[in-house]
Amino acid sequence: MPLDQAHVEEEFDGEKEMTFLEHLEELRWHLIRSIAAIFIFMIVAWFIKEWVYGTIIMGPSKVDFWTYRKMCDIGRLLHIDSLCLQELKFDVQNREISGQFMLAITSSAIIGLLIAFPYVIWEIWSFIKPGLRAAERRAARGAVFIISLLFFSGVFFGYYIVTPFAVHFMVNFQLDPSIVNQYDIKNYLSILTTLTLACGLMFQLPVVIMVLTKIGIVTPEFLKEYRRHAFVVILIVAAIITPSPDVISQILVAIPLYFLFEVSILVSNRIYKANLKQLEDEHI
């Protein structure tokens, strides 16, 4: 076997070249399977919608929520009684005839997307993988697990940390005792979804930096040089994704994002060195 042919087989593991239409057909089936997985979990969530709403969605609106209980435990240890939440003035209303039905469908779809997220990422990876070289495949080994882990870490952080503080601030903020707060359930669900999904996506920062470093857009030196600027950008992003002017909530979002930025510098440095080594090997 000629050396060039052996090199090609080593790089692409014998994958034959596909036409543009074949690529579209392959992509179509990956999308169909992804949507089917989301739909299946959506149906499962629909059948347990009462538990989903009563325990998960409405959880941060109740004083016995896990975060509030832990805050109270910390308050007892530090002798700070104000950390124990005695009351949460939370009165939600549905103002549309089909409101609760549509909310059940929406929440089921969101739950289905969250549960099916690792499988959707795996389908995307399965579509991209054949076009990568063998070295790139080895470098990206475990990508589906890492992306899923970061996403769910962000979702749990947004649900258990950011959302309770944001809800607590907004429902207890009052201009005058004569003003009664009555919240629309659609607005509450929007806030909950925005915070959890936004945190899940923002936690993908190391993966984004890894890709940008791989294609040569950013370098570790660039990230280190603009570290202060990145901190300001992170604060702005934290202010955007938190739906309230609560400074504590914004800081709670900014701290892990900045930590992930520092992790991204380490990841970028590793990828950058690997790129340099690959270039040196190609020129030998």
Protein backbone atom coordinates (compact mmCIF):
# COMPACT_ATOMS: atom_id res chain seq x y z
CA MET A 1 0.00 0.00 0.00
CA PRO A 2 1.42 3.45 -0.91
CA LEU A 3 2.43 5.65 1.99
CA ASP A 4 0.02 8.45 1.04
CA GLN A 5 -2.94 6.10 0.93
CA ALA A 6 -2.01 4.60 4.30
CA HIS A 7 -1.75 8.10 5.76
CA VAL A 8 -5.24 8.98 4.52
CA GLU A 9 -6.72 5.82 6.00
CA GLU A 10 -4.99 6.54 9.30
CA GLU A 11 -6.33 10.09 9.38
CA PHE A 12 -9.92 9.33 8.42
CA ASP A 13 -10.25 5.66 9.41
CA GLY A 14 -11.48 4.63 5.98
CA GLU A 15 -14.47 7.02 5.92
CA LYS A 16 -15.50 7.49 2.29
CA GLU A 17 -16.12 10.98 0.99
CA MET A 18 -19.83 11.91 0.88
CA THR A 19 -21.62 14.23 -1.52
CA PHE A 20 -23.41 17.38 -0.35
CA LEU A 21 -26.83 15.73 -0.65
CA GLU A 22 -25.61 12.71 1.31
CA HIS A 23 -24.42 15.06 4.05
CA LEU A 24 -27.84 16.71 4.13
CA GLU A 25 -29.55 13.32 4.34
CA GLU A 26 -27.25 12.29 7.19
CA LEU A 27 -27.91 15.56 9.00
CA ARG A 28 -31.66 15.09 8.53
CA TRP A 29 -31.61 11.72 10.29
CA HIS A 30 -29.51 13.08 13.16
CA LEU A 31 -32.06 15.88 13.60
CA ILE A 32 -34.99 13.46 13.41
CA ARG A 33 -33.50 11.20 16.09
CA SER A 34 -32.72 14.21 18.31
CA ILE A 35 -36.26 15.59 18.00
CA ALA A 36 -37.68 12.11 18.62
CA ALA A 37 -35.66 11.81 21.86
CA ILE A 38 -36.88 15.22 23.03
CA PHE A 39 -40.46 14.28 22.15
CA ILE A 40 -40.26 10.98 24.06
CA PHE A 41 -39.03 12.68 27.23
CA MET A 42 -41.60 15.42 26.69
CA ILE A 43 -44.37 12.78 26.78
CA VAL A 44 -42.91 11.30 29.97
CA ALA A 45 -42.83 14.77 31.57
CA TRP A 46 -46.45 15.34 30.47
CA PHE A 47 -47.67 12.27 32.38
CA ILE A 48 -45.97 13.49 35.56
CA LYS A 49 -46.79 17.18 34.99
CA GLU A 50 -48.41 17.59 38.43
CA TRP A 51 -45.21 16.44 40.14
CA VAL A 52 -43.06 18.49 37.75
CA TYR A 53 -44.96 21.69 38.57
CA GLY A 54 -45.52 21.05 42.25
CA THR A 55 -41.97 19.94 43.06
CA ILE A 56 -39.59 21.29 40.41
CA ILE A 57 -41.08 24.37 38.77
CA MET A 58 -42.82 25.82 41.83
CA GLY A 59 -40.03 24.65 44.17
CA PRO A 60 -38.16 27.99 44.39
CA SER A 61 -41.44 29.70 45.31
CA LYS A 62 -41.83 27.70 48.55
CA VAL A 63 -40.12 28.37 51.89
CA ASP A 64 -39.21 24.69 52.30
CA PHE A 65 -37.13 24.72 49.10
CA TRP A 66 -33.68 23.11 49.50
CA THR A 67 -31.75 26.37 49.05
CA TYR A 68 -33.81 28.24 51.65
CA ARG A 69 -33.39 25.39 54.14
CA LYS A 70 -29.63 25.39 53.66
CA MET A 71 -29.54 29.17 54.08
CA CYS A 72 -31.38 28.74 57.36
CA ASP A 73 -28.90 26.08 58.51
CA ILE A 74 -26.03 28.44 57.74
CA GLY A 75 -27.85 31.23 59.56
CA ARG A 76 -28.16 29.08 62.68
CA LEU A 77 -24.45 28.28 62.61
CA LEU A 78 -23.52 31.95 62.19
CA HIS A 79 -26.30 33.15 64.53
CA ILE A 80 -27.84 35.24 61.75
CA ASP A 81 -31.59 34.82 62.08
CA SER A 82 -32.30 36.86 58.96
CA LEU A 83 -31.03 34.02 56.77
CA CYS A 84 -33.99 31.88 57.85
CA LEU A 85 -36.85 32.57 55.46
CA GLN A 86 -40.12 32.66 57.38
CA GLU A 87 -42.41 33.81 54.60
CA LEU A 88 -42.30 34.15 50.83
CA LYS A 89 -45.02 36.44 49.56
CA PHE A 90 -45.77 34.52 46.41
CA ASP A 91 -49.19 34.60 44.79
CA VAL A 92 -49.20 33.37 41.18
CA GLN A 93 -52.18 33.62 38.87
CA ASN A 94 -53.24 32.29 35.51
CA ARG A 95 -55.07 34.92 33.45
CA GLU A 96 -55.86 32.92 30.30
CA ILE A 97 -58.42 30.17 29.68
CA SER A 98 -55.88 27.92 27.95
CA GLY A 99 -53.00 29.20 30.08
CA GLN A 100 -52.43 26.16 32.29
CA PHE A 101 -52.77 23.76 29.37
CA MET A 102 -50.21 25.65 27.30
CA LEU A 103 -47.92 25.95 30.33
CA ALA A 104 -48.07 22.17 30.77
CA ILE A 105 -47.00 21.69 27.15
CA THR A 106 -44.23 24.30 27.43
CA SER A 107 -42.81 22.92 30.65
CA SER A 108 -42.95 19.35 29.30
CA ALA A 109 -41.01 20.45 26.22
CA ILE A 110 -38.37 22.17 28.37
CA ILE A 111 -38.00 19.11 30.61
CA GLY A 112 -37.76 16.90 27.52
CA LEU A 113 -35.01 19.10 26.08
CA LEU A 114 -33.05 19.09 29.34
CA ILE A 115 -33.17 15.31 29.78
CA ALA A 116 -32.41 14.60 26.11
CA PHE A 117 -29.55 17.13 25.98
CA PRO A 118 -26.69 14.54 26.24
CA TYR A 119 -28.25 12.45 23.47
CA VAL A 120 -28.73 15.53 21.24
CA ILE A 121 -25.07 16.47 21.76
CA TRP A 122 -24.06 12.89 20.95
CA GLU A 123 -26.05 13.06 17.68
CA ILE A 124 -24.34 16.35 16.77
CA TRP A 125 -20.96 14.81 17.58
CA SER A 126 -21.77 11.73 15.49
CA PHE A 127 -22.45 14.01 12.52
CA ILE A 128 -19.24 16.04 12.97
CA LYS A 129 -16.91 13.17 13.91
CA PRO A 130 -16.46 11.58 10.43
CA GLY A 131 -15.07 14.87 9.09
CA LEU A 132 -12.31 15.07 11.70
CA ARG A 133 -8.82 13.71 11.46
CA ALA A 134 -7.79 10.85 13.73
CA ALA A 135 -5.68 13.20 15.89
CA GLU A 136 -8.60 15.60 16.24
CA ARG A 137 -10.90 12.77 17.25
CA ARG A 138 -8.48 11.68 19.94
CA ALA A 139 -8.15 15.27 21.18
CA ALA A 140 -11.95 15.59 21.38
CA ARG A 141 -12.44 12.28 23.18
CA GLY A 142 -14.97 12.67 25.97
CA ALA A 143 -16.39 15.88 24.49
CA VAL A 144 -20.01 14.74 24.84
CA PHE A 145 -19.49 13.93 28.53
CA ILE A 146 -17.69 17.22 29.24
CA ILE A 147 -20.29 19.34 27.42
CA SER A 148 -23.15 17.53 29.19
CA LEU A 149 -21.43 17.82 32.58
CA LEU A 150 -20.86 21.56 32.15
CA PHE A 151 -24.42 22.08 30.92
CA PHE A 152 -26.06 20.26 33.82
CA SER A 153 -23.70 21.93 36.30
CA GLY A 154 -24.88 25.29 34.96
CA VAL A 155 -28.53 24.24 35.04
CA PHE A 156 -28.31 23.04 38.65
CA PHE A 157 -26.40 26.19 39.62
CA GLY A 158 -29.04 28.39 38.00
CA TYR A 159 -31.90 26.41 39.58
CA TYR A 160 -30.58 25.98 43.12
CA ILE A 161 -28.51 29.14 43.55
CA VAL A 162 -29.40 31.96 41.17
CA THR A 163 -33.17 31.44 40.86
CA PRO A 164 -33.96 31.31 44.61
CA PHE A 165 -32.00 34.51 45.29
CA ALA A 166 -33.63 36.28 42.32
CA VAL A 167 -37.13 35.13 43.34
CA HIS A 168 -36.52 36.06 46.97
CA PHE A 169 -35.39 39.55 46.01
CA MET A 170 -38.20 40.25 43.57
CA VAL A 171 -41.13 38.97 45.64
CA ASN A 172 -39.96 40.79 48.78
CA PHE A 173 -39.20 44.09 47.06
CA GLN A 174 -42.06 46.47 47.76
CA LEU A 175 -42.43 50.21 47.15
CA ASP A 176 -45.45 50.62 49.41
CA PRO A 177 -47.44 48.22 51.65
CA SER A 178 -50.62 49.16 49.79
CA ILE A 179 -49.26 47.61 46.59
CA VAL A 180 -50.18 43.92 46.36
CA ASN A 181 -47.93 41.66 44.26
CA GLN A 182 -49.79 39.23 42.05
CA TYR A 183 -47.53 37.38 39.65
CA ASP A 184 -48.41 35.80 36.34
CA ILE A 185 -47.38 32.14 36.14
CA LYS A 186 -46.05 32.66 32.58
CA ASN A 187 -43.70 35.37 33.83
CA TYR A 188 -42.47 33.12 36.65
CA LEU A 189 -41.83 30.21 34.28
CA SER A 190 -40.01 32.56 31.89
CA ILE A 191 -37.69 33.75 34.66
CA LEU A 192 -37.02 30.20 35.87
CA THR A 193 -36.30 28.93 32.34
CA THR A 194 -34.13 31.91 31.42
CA LEU A 195 -31.94 31.61 34.49
CA THR A 196 -31.45 27.85 34.36
CA LEU A 197 -30.88 27.55 30.61
CA ALA A 198 -28.72 30.69 30.46
CA CYS A 199 -26.45 29.36 33.21
CA GLY A 200 -26.30 25.99 31.45
CA LEU A 201 -25.18 27.64 28.21
CA MET A 202 -22.77 30.06 29.90
CA PHE A 203 -21.04 27.12 31.59
CA GLN A 204 -19.97 26.00 28.09
CA LEU A 205 -17.31 28.74 28.10
CA PRO A 206 -14.31 26.33 28.33
CA VAL A 207 -15.63 24.37 25.34
CA VAL A 208 -16.08 27.55 23.30
CA ILE A 209 -12.56 28.73 24.16
CA MET A 210 -11.18 25.30 23.26
CA VAL A 211 -12.78 25.45 19.80
CA LEU A 212 -11.67 29.05 19.21
CA THR A 213 -8.11 28.14 20.20
CA LYS A 214 -8.17 25.08 17.97
CA ILE A 215 -9.09 27.13 14.89
CA GLY A 216 -6.60 29.85 15.80
CA ILE A 217 -8.91 32.72 16.72
CA VAL A 218 -7.71 33.10 20.33
CA THR A 219 -4.49 32.25 22.15
CA PRO A 220 -3.63 31.86 25.86
CA GLU A 221 -1.63 35.09 25.73
CA PHE A 222 -4.65 36.93 24.32
CA LEU A 223 -6.88 35.64 27.12
CA LYS A 224 -4.35 36.57 29.79
CA GLU A 225 -3.80 40.03 28.34
CA TYR A 226 -7.52 40.82 28.31
CA ARG A 227 -8.33 39.14 31.62
CA ARG A 228 -9.55 42.42 33.17
CA HIS A 229 -11.70 43.18 30.17
CA ALA A 230 -13.15 39.69 30.37
CA PHE A 231 -14.10 40.28 34.00
CA VAL A 232 -16.05 43.40 33.01
CA VAL A 233 -17.78 41.49 30.19
CA ILE A 234 -18.68 38.71 32.64
CA LEU A 235 -20.27 41.24 34.99
CA ILE A 236 -22.28 42.69 32.11
CA VAL A 237 -23.43 39.22 31.01
CA ALA A 238 -24.37 38.37 34.61
CA ALA A 239 -26.44 41.57 34.80
CA ILE A 240 -28.20 40.67 31.54
CA ILE A 241 -29.18 37.09 32.37
CA THR A 242 -30.37 37.91 35.89
CA PRO A 243 -33.88 39.37 35.57
CA SER A 244 -33.59 41.61 38.62
CA PRO A 245 -31.31 44.41 39.83
CA ASP A 246 -30.27 42.16 42.69
CA VAL A 247 -26.50 42.62 43.03
CA ILE A 248 -26.14 39.37 44.99
CA SER A 249 -27.68 37.33 42.16
CA GLN A 250 -25.39 39.01 39.64
CA ILE A 251 -22.32 38.26 41.75
CA LEU A 252 -23.44 34.66 42.19
CA VAL A 253 -23.52 34.30 38.40
CA ALA A 254 -20.27 36.22 37.81
CA ILE A 255 -18.10 34.23 40.24
CA PRO A 256 -18.42 30.79 38.57
CA LEU A 257 -18.22 32.38 35.12
CA TYR A 258 -14.92 34.01 35.97
CA PHE A 259 -13.67 30.73 37.44
CA LEU A 260 -14.61 29.02 34.17
CA PHE A 261 -12.76 31.76 32.29
CA GLU A 262 -9.60 30.93 34.25
CA VAL A 263 -10.14 27.25 33.49
CA SER A 264 -10.57 28.23 29.83
CA ILE A 265 -7.11 29.82 29.87
CA LEU A 266 -5.61 26.51 31.00
CA VAL A 267 -7.57 24.64 28.34
CA SER A 268 -6.50 27.16 25.69
CA ASN A 269 -2.87 26.81 26.73
CA ARG A 270 -3.03 23.03 26.35
CA ILE A 271 -4.71 23.19 22.94
CA TYR A 272 -2.30 25.88 21.76
CA LYS A 273 0.74 23.75 22.66
CA ALA A 274 -0.84 20.76 20.90
CA ASN A 275 -1.35 22.90 17.78
CA LEU A 276 2.29 24.00 17.82
CA LYS A 277 3.49 20.43 18.22
CA GLN A 278 1.30 19.33 15.30
CA LEU A 279 2.74 22.07 13.10
CA GLU A 280 6.28 21.06 14.04
CA ASP A 281 5.55 17.42 13.22
CA GLU A 282 4.12 18.38 9.82
CA HIS A 283 7.28 20.31 8.94
CA ILE A 284 9.65 17.50 9.91
